[in-house]
N, C-alpha and C. Protein backbone atom coordinates (compact mmCIF):
# COMPACT_ATOMS: atom_id res chain seq x y z
N UNK A 1 63.95 107.58 40.22
CA UNK A 1 63.49 108.99 39.92
C UNK A 1 61.96 109.08 39.45
N UNK A 2 61.49 109.87 41.14
CA UNK A 2 60.47 109.85 40.85
C UNK A 2 59.28 110.71 40.07
N UNK A 3 57.99 110.69 40.07
CA UNK A 3 56.89 111.22 39.13
C UNK A 3 57.00 112.78 39.75
N UNK A 4 56.59 114.12 39.22
CA UNK A 4 56.88 115.30 38.73
C UNK A 4 55.16 115.23 39.45
N UNK A 5 54.58 116.15 40.56
CA UNK A 5 53.09 115.90 40.78
C UNK A 5 52.84 117.08 39.76
N UNK A 6 51.61 116.75 39.00
CA UNK A 6 51.19 117.69 38.17
C UNK A 6 50.00 118.74 38.96
N UNK A 7 50.03 119.72 38.46
CA UNK A 7 48.94 120.52 38.37
C UNK A 7 47.54 120.34 38.35
N UNK A 8 46.83 120.68 39.26
CA UNK A 8 45.07 120.28 38.95
C UNK A 8 44.93 120.80 37.58
N UNK A 9 45.17 121.85 36.89
CA UNK A 9 45.21 121.98 35.40
C UNK A 9 45.58 120.97 34.64
N UNK A 10 46.32 120.52 34.64
CA UNK A 10 47.00 119.36 34.00
C UNK A 10 46.48 118.03 34.01
N UNK A 11 45.85 118.01 35.23
CA UNK A 11 45.36 116.65 35.67
C UNK A 11 43.48 116.91 34.46
N UNK A 12 43.52 117.91 35.19
CA UNK A 12 41.80 118.04 34.20
C UNK A 12 41.58 118.14 33.20
N UNK A 13 43.06 118.57 32.26
CA UNK A 13 43.10 118.23 30.93
C UNK A 13 43.64 116.68 30.29
N UNK A 14 43.98 116.20 31.09
CA UNK A 14 44.14 114.95 30.73
C UNK A 14 43.11 114.37 30.95
N UNK A 15 41.97 114.60 32.07
CA UNK A 15 40.77 113.90 32.25
C UNK A 15 39.71 114.10 30.62
N UNK A 16 39.71 115.29 30.80
CA UNK A 16 38.80 115.66 29.23
C UNK A 16 39.19 114.88 28.58
N UNK A 17 40.74 114.46 28.07
CA UNK A 17 41.38 113.73 26.57
C UNK A 17 40.96 112.65 27.24
N UNK A 18 40.90 111.65 28.42
CA UNK A 18 40.56 110.33 28.64
C UNK A 18 38.80 110.42 28.92
N UNK A 19 38.30 111.10 29.10
CA UNK A 19 36.81 111.05 28.77
C UNK A 19 36.42 111.22 27.31
N UNK A 20 37.17 111.60 26.51
CA UNK A 20 36.86 112.05 25.31
C UNK A 20 37.32 110.37 24.53
N UNK A 21 38.22 110.05 25.15
CA UNK A 21 38.48 108.63 24.40
C UNK A 21 37.54 107.25 25.14
N UNK A 22 37.38 107.14 26.39
CA UNK A 22 36.13 107.24 26.81
C UNK A 22 34.78 106.96 26.00
N UNK A 23 34.64 108.48 25.31
CA UNK A 23 33.38 108.24 24.68
C UNK A 23 33.21 107.69 22.90
N UNK A 24 34.67 107.86 22.53
CA UNK A 24 35.03 107.36 21.47
C UNK A 24 34.96 106.11 21.25
N UNK A 25 35.40 104.95 22.45
CA UNK A 25 35.61 103.75 22.31
C UNK A 25 33.96 102.83 22.57
N UNK A 26 33.28 103.70 23.44
CA UNK A 26 31.72 103.23 23.59
C UNK A 26 31.24 103.54 22.96
N UNK A 27 31.23 104.40 21.98
CA UNK A 27 30.95 104.64 20.22
C UNK A 27 31.04 104.04 19.77
N UNK A 28 32.38 103.21 19.43
CA UNK A 28 32.72 102.25 18.29
C UNK A 28 32.18 100.55 19.06
N UNK A 29 32.47 100.81 20.20
CA UNK A 29 31.62 99.26 20.93
C UNK A 29 30.40 99.14 20.63
N UNK A 30 29.56 100.25 20.77
CA UNK A 30 28.20 100.31 20.54
C UNK A 30 27.79 99.72 19.04
N UNK A 31 28.69 100.38 17.73
CA UNK A 31 28.99 100.17 16.39
C UNK A 31 28.93 98.46 16.35
N UNK A 32 30.22 98.01 16.93
CA UNK A 32 30.45 96.73 16.72
C UNK A 32 29.08 95.86 17.24
N UNK A 33 28.70 96.63 18.54
CA UNK A 33 27.35 95.25 18.56
C UNK A 33 26.78 95.40 18.05
N UNK A 34 25.98 96.62 16.86
CA UNK A 34 25.10 96.22 16.06
C UNK A 34 25.51 95.67 14.73
N UNK A 35 26.50 95.45 14.91
CA UNK A 35 27.06 94.53 13.46
C UNK A 35 27.25 93.35 14.12
N UNK A 36 27.08 93.42 15.54
CA UNK A 36 26.94 91.51 15.89
C UNK A 36 25.07 91.23 15.88
N UNK A 37 24.51 92.24 16.35
CA UNK A 37 23.22 91.88 16.12
C UNK A 37 22.62 92.07 14.85
N UNK A 38 23.31 92.65 13.91
CA UNK A 38 22.72 92.20 12.27
C UNK A 38 22.72 90.75 12.06
N UNK A 39 24.26 90.56 12.33
CA UNK A 39 24.26 89.04 11.75
C UNK A 39 23.54 88.37 12.35
N UNK A 40 23.29 88.31 13.90
CA UNK A 40 22.24 87.32 14.65
C UNK A 40 20.89 86.97 14.20
N UNK A 41 20.46 88.41 13.50
CA UNK A 41 19.24 88.30 13.05
C UNK A 41 19.10 87.62 12.02
N UNK A 42 20.14 87.86 11.16
CA UNK A 42 20.05 86.98 10.05
C UNK A 42 20.47 85.72 10.46
N UNK A 43 20.94 84.96 11.22
CA UNK A 43 21.25 83.86 11.91
C UNK A 43 20.03 83.19 12.15
N UNK A 44 19.00 83.86 13.02
CA UNK A 44 17.71 83.78 13.18
C UNK A 44 16.87 83.29 12.54
N UNK A 45 16.47 83.86 11.28
CA UNK A 45 15.98 83.93 9.65
C UNK A 45 16.34 82.45 9.37
N UNK A 46 17.69 81.87 9.18
CA UNK A 46 18.00 80.60 8.99
C UNK A 46 17.66 79.19 9.81
N UNK A 47 17.53 80.15 11.21
CA UNK A 47 17.25 78.70 12.20
C UNK A 47 15.97 78.55 12.04
N UNK A 48 14.85 79.85 12.23
CA UNK A 48 13.80 79.27 12.06
C UNK A 48 13.25 78.83 10.58
N UNK A 49 13.72 78.65 9.70
CA UNK A 49 13.57 78.20 8.62
C UNK A 49 14.21 76.59 9.23
N UNK A 50 15.20 76.06 9.97
CA UNK A 50 15.27 74.48 9.94
C UNK A 50 14.14 74.34 11.03
N UNK A 51 13.52 74.77 11.89
CA UNK A 51 12.59 74.71 12.55
C UNK A 51 11.30 74.09 12.27
N UNK A 52 10.99 74.86 10.92
CA UNK A 52 9.75 74.39 10.16
C UNK A 52 9.94 72.96 9.38
N UNK A 53 8.37 72.12 9.88
CA UNK A 53 8.61 71.14 10.00
C UNK A 53 7.97 70.68 8.58
N UNK A 54 7.20 71.84 7.76
CA UNK A 54 7.03 71.58 6.14
C UNK A 54 8.17 71.95 5.72
N UNK A 55 9.34 72.29 5.72
CA UNK A 55 10.40 72.37 4.52
C UNK A 55 10.77 71.44 4.66
N UNK A 56 11.25 71.14 2.87
CA UNK A 56 12.21 70.31 2.70
C UNK A 56 13.57 69.91 2.79
N UNK A 57 13.92 68.98 3.00
CA UNK A 57 15.85 68.34 3.72
C UNK A 57 16.46 69.24 2.75
N UNK A 58 15.82 69.81 1.25
CA UNK A 58 17.30 70.23 0.73
C UNK A 58 17.24 72.09 0.97
N UNK A 59 15.93 72.16 1.48
CA UNK A 59 15.59 73.82 2.28
C UNK A 59 16.75 73.95 3.07
N UNK A 60 16.28 72.91 4.34
CA UNK A 60 17.16 72.79 5.44
C UNK A 60 18.24 72.64 5.19
N UNK A 61 19.09 71.99 4.60
CA UNK A 61 20.38 72.15 4.24
C UNK A 61 20.56 73.61 3.74
N UNK A 62 20.22 74.03 2.76
CA UNK A 62 20.33 75.45 2.52
C UNK A 62 20.48 76.25 3.97
N UNK A 63 19.79 76.18 4.72
CA UNK A 63 19.64 77.09 5.65
C UNK A 63 20.90 76.65 7.05
N UNK A 64 21.06 75.46 6.46
CA UNK A 64 22.53 74.72 7.37
C UNK A 64 23.29 75.54 7.19
N UNK A 65 23.38 75.80 5.89
CA UNK A 65 25.00 76.03 5.17
C UNK A 65 24.77 77.90 5.60
N UNK A 66 23.82 78.48 5.27
CA UNK A 66 23.71 79.95 5.52
C UNK A 66 23.70 80.13 7.06
N UNK A 67 23.41 79.05 8.04
CA UNK A 67 24.08 78.89 9.53
C UNK A 67 25.46 78.95 9.39
N UNK A 68 26.01 78.27 8.58
CA UNK A 68 27.56 78.21 8.92
C UNK A 68 28.23 79.16 8.57
N UNK A 69 27.28 80.21 7.49
CA UNK A 69 28.07 81.22 6.87
C UNK A 69 28.01 82.70 7.92
N UNK A 70 26.67 82.39 8.23
CA UNK A 70 26.54 83.86 9.52
C UNK A 70 27.33 83.65 10.97
N UNK A 71 27.56 82.14 10.77
CA UNK A 71 28.50 81.48 11.88
C UNK A 71 29.46 82.21 11.81
N UNK A 72 30.52 82.26 10.41
CA UNK A 72 31.93 82.65 10.18
C UNK A 72 31.52 84.21 10.28
N UNK A 73 30.77 84.52 9.69
CA UNK A 73 30.97 86.08 10.06
C UNK A 73 30.63 86.50 10.95
N UNK A 74 29.51 85.82 12.15
CA UNK A 74 30.08 86.55 13.75
C UNK A 74 31.65 86.22 14.29
N UNK A 75 32.42 85.16 13.38
CA UNK A 75 33.37 85.00 14.18
C UNK A 75 34.62 86.10 14.06
N UNK A 76 34.33 86.50 12.63
CA UNK A 76 34.89 87.82 12.08
C UNK A 76 34.77 89.32 12.92
N UNK A 77 33.73 89.13 13.23
CA UNK A 77 33.30 90.27 14.35
C UNK A 77 34.19 90.21 15.60
N UNK A 78 34.31 89.14 16.01
CA UNK A 78 34.90 88.80 17.86
C UNK A 78 35.95 89.84 18.02
N UNK A 79 37.12 89.92 17.14
CA UNK A 79 38.25 90.20 17.32
C UNK A 79 37.96 91.69 17.41
N UNK A 80 37.50 92.37 16.26
CA UNK A 80 37.23 94.20 16.41
C UNK A 80 36.31 94.37 17.89
N UNK A 81 35.19 93.55 18.02
CA UNK A 81 35.13 93.66 19.33
C UNK A 81 35.83 93.69 20.73
N UNK A 82 35.96 92.70 20.72
CA UNK A 82 37.31 92.63 21.84
C UNK A 82 38.26 93.77 22.22
N UNK A 83 38.85 94.34 20.85
CA UNK A 83 39.73 94.92 20.58
C UNK A 83 39.32 96.13 21.39
N UNK A 84 37.94 96.65 20.71
CA UNK A 84 37.25 97.92 21.18
C UNK A 84 37.00 97.60 22.85
N UNK A 85 36.74 96.63 23.34
CA UNK A 85 36.51 96.54 24.31
C UNK A 85 36.97 96.91 25.34
N UNK A 86 38.26 96.19 24.75
CA UNK A 86 39.80 96.17 25.94
C UNK A 86 40.13 97.78 25.67
N UNK A 87 40.18 98.54 24.67
CA UNK A 87 40.36 100.16 24.72
C UNK A 87 39.91 100.45 25.82
N UNK A 88 38.52 100.66 25.67
CA UNK A 88 37.10 101.21 26.45
C UNK A 88 37.87 101.22 27.83
N UNK A 89 38.18 99.47 28.62
CA UNK A 89 38.13 98.89 29.33
C UNK A 89 39.67 100.10 30.15
N UNK A 90 40.56 100.06 29.37
CA UNK A 90 41.81 100.83 29.65
C UNK A 90 41.42 102.22 29.68
N UNK A 91 40.83 103.15 28.83
CA UNK A 91 40.71 104.34 29.31
C UNK A 91 39.61 104.46 30.20
N UNK A 92 38.87 103.74 30.44
CA UNK A 92 37.99 104.03 31.84
C UNK A 92 38.95 103.46 32.79
N UNK A 93 39.94 102.75 33.59
CA UNK A 93 41.06 102.29 34.20
C UNK A 93 41.84 103.92 34.38
N UNK A 94 42.07 104.38 33.13
CA UNK A 94 43.29 105.72 33.21
C UNK A 94 42.05 106.95 33.97
N UNK A 95 40.81 106.91 33.28
CA UNK A 95 40.16 107.79 33.95
C UNK A 95 40.18 108.19 35.42
N UNK A 96 39.65 106.74 35.79
CA UNK A 96 39.40 106.47 37.33
C UNK A 96 40.79 107.15 38.11
N UNK A 97 41.80 106.65 37.91
CA UNK A 97 42.67 107.04 38.39
C UNK A 97 43.05 109.02 38.42
N UNK A 98 42.78 109.22 37.43
CA UNK A 98 43.11 110.17 36.99
C UNK A 98 42.08 111.33 38.35
N UNK A 99 40.60 110.99 38.10
CA UNK A 99 40.00 111.69 38.95
C UNK A 99 40.23 111.39 40.00
N UNK A 100 40.53 110.11 40.74
CA UNK A 100 40.74 109.70 42.10
C UNK A 100 42.08 111.02 42.45
N UNK A 101 43.02 111.13 42.14
CA UNK A 101 44.33 111.95 41.59
C UNK A 101 43.72 113.31 42.25
N UNK A 102 42.86 113.76 41.04
CA UNK A 102 42.08 115.23 41.20
C UNK A 102 41.25 115.03 42.80
N UNK A 103 40.44 114.06 42.77
CA UNK A 103 39.88 114.14 44.32
C UNK A 103 40.63 114.29 45.44
N UNK A 104 42.03 113.34 45.54
CA UNK A 104 42.69 113.28 46.33
C UNK A 104 43.38 114.84 46.69
N UNK A 105 44.08 115.12 45.28
CA UNK A 105 44.63 116.53 45.80
C UNK A 105 44.42 117.60 45.86
N UNK A 106 42.41 117.81 45.63
CA UNK A 106 42.00 118.76 46.23
C UNK A 106 41.43 119.07 47.66
N UNK A 107 41.82 117.20 48.08
CA UNK A 107 40.96 117.46 49.51
C UNK A 107 41.86 118.22 50.30
N UNK A 108 41.62 119.22 51.59
CA UNK A 108 42.42 119.57 52.36
C UNK A 108 43.49 118.83 53.09
N UNK A 109 44.89 119.26 53.02
CA UNK A 109 45.83 118.38 53.71
C UNK A 109 45.54 118.73 55.15
N UNK A 110 45.54 117.35 55.72
CA UNK A 110 45.55 117.76 57.27
C UNK A 110 46.84 117.31 58.22
N UNK A 111 46.79 118.37 58.99
CA UNK A 111 47.80 118.55 59.69
C UNK A 111 47.92 117.84 60.91
N UNK A 112 48.63 117.61 61.38
CA UNK A 112 48.92 116.87 62.97
C UNK A 112 49.05 117.81 64.11
N UNK A 113 48.39 117.48 65.06
CA UNK A 113 48.14 118.36 66.22
C UNK A 113 48.79 117.43 68.01
């Protein structure tokens, strides 16, 4: 059973829906990335404490523990980022396919001579 050809208007409507999805997933990916940056910024504070020679071993141990906690936080953020990335990628693939169909269907048909 073959696919029925869609009208230009139906393709445009679907393309608009896909563009809305792309925008939403992009916004989500930006938000997830900001969460990563905040955790990494906190991580940096603790790494810098480790690098300071004047710090006591007890302070460095506390900084290492804090680094481990931030690393765990970063790990928890991994899956939501990856899922949002995959959603964005799939939406872009669908949108590209729709626009290819729109372009192909709007080209004048070549006739054989």
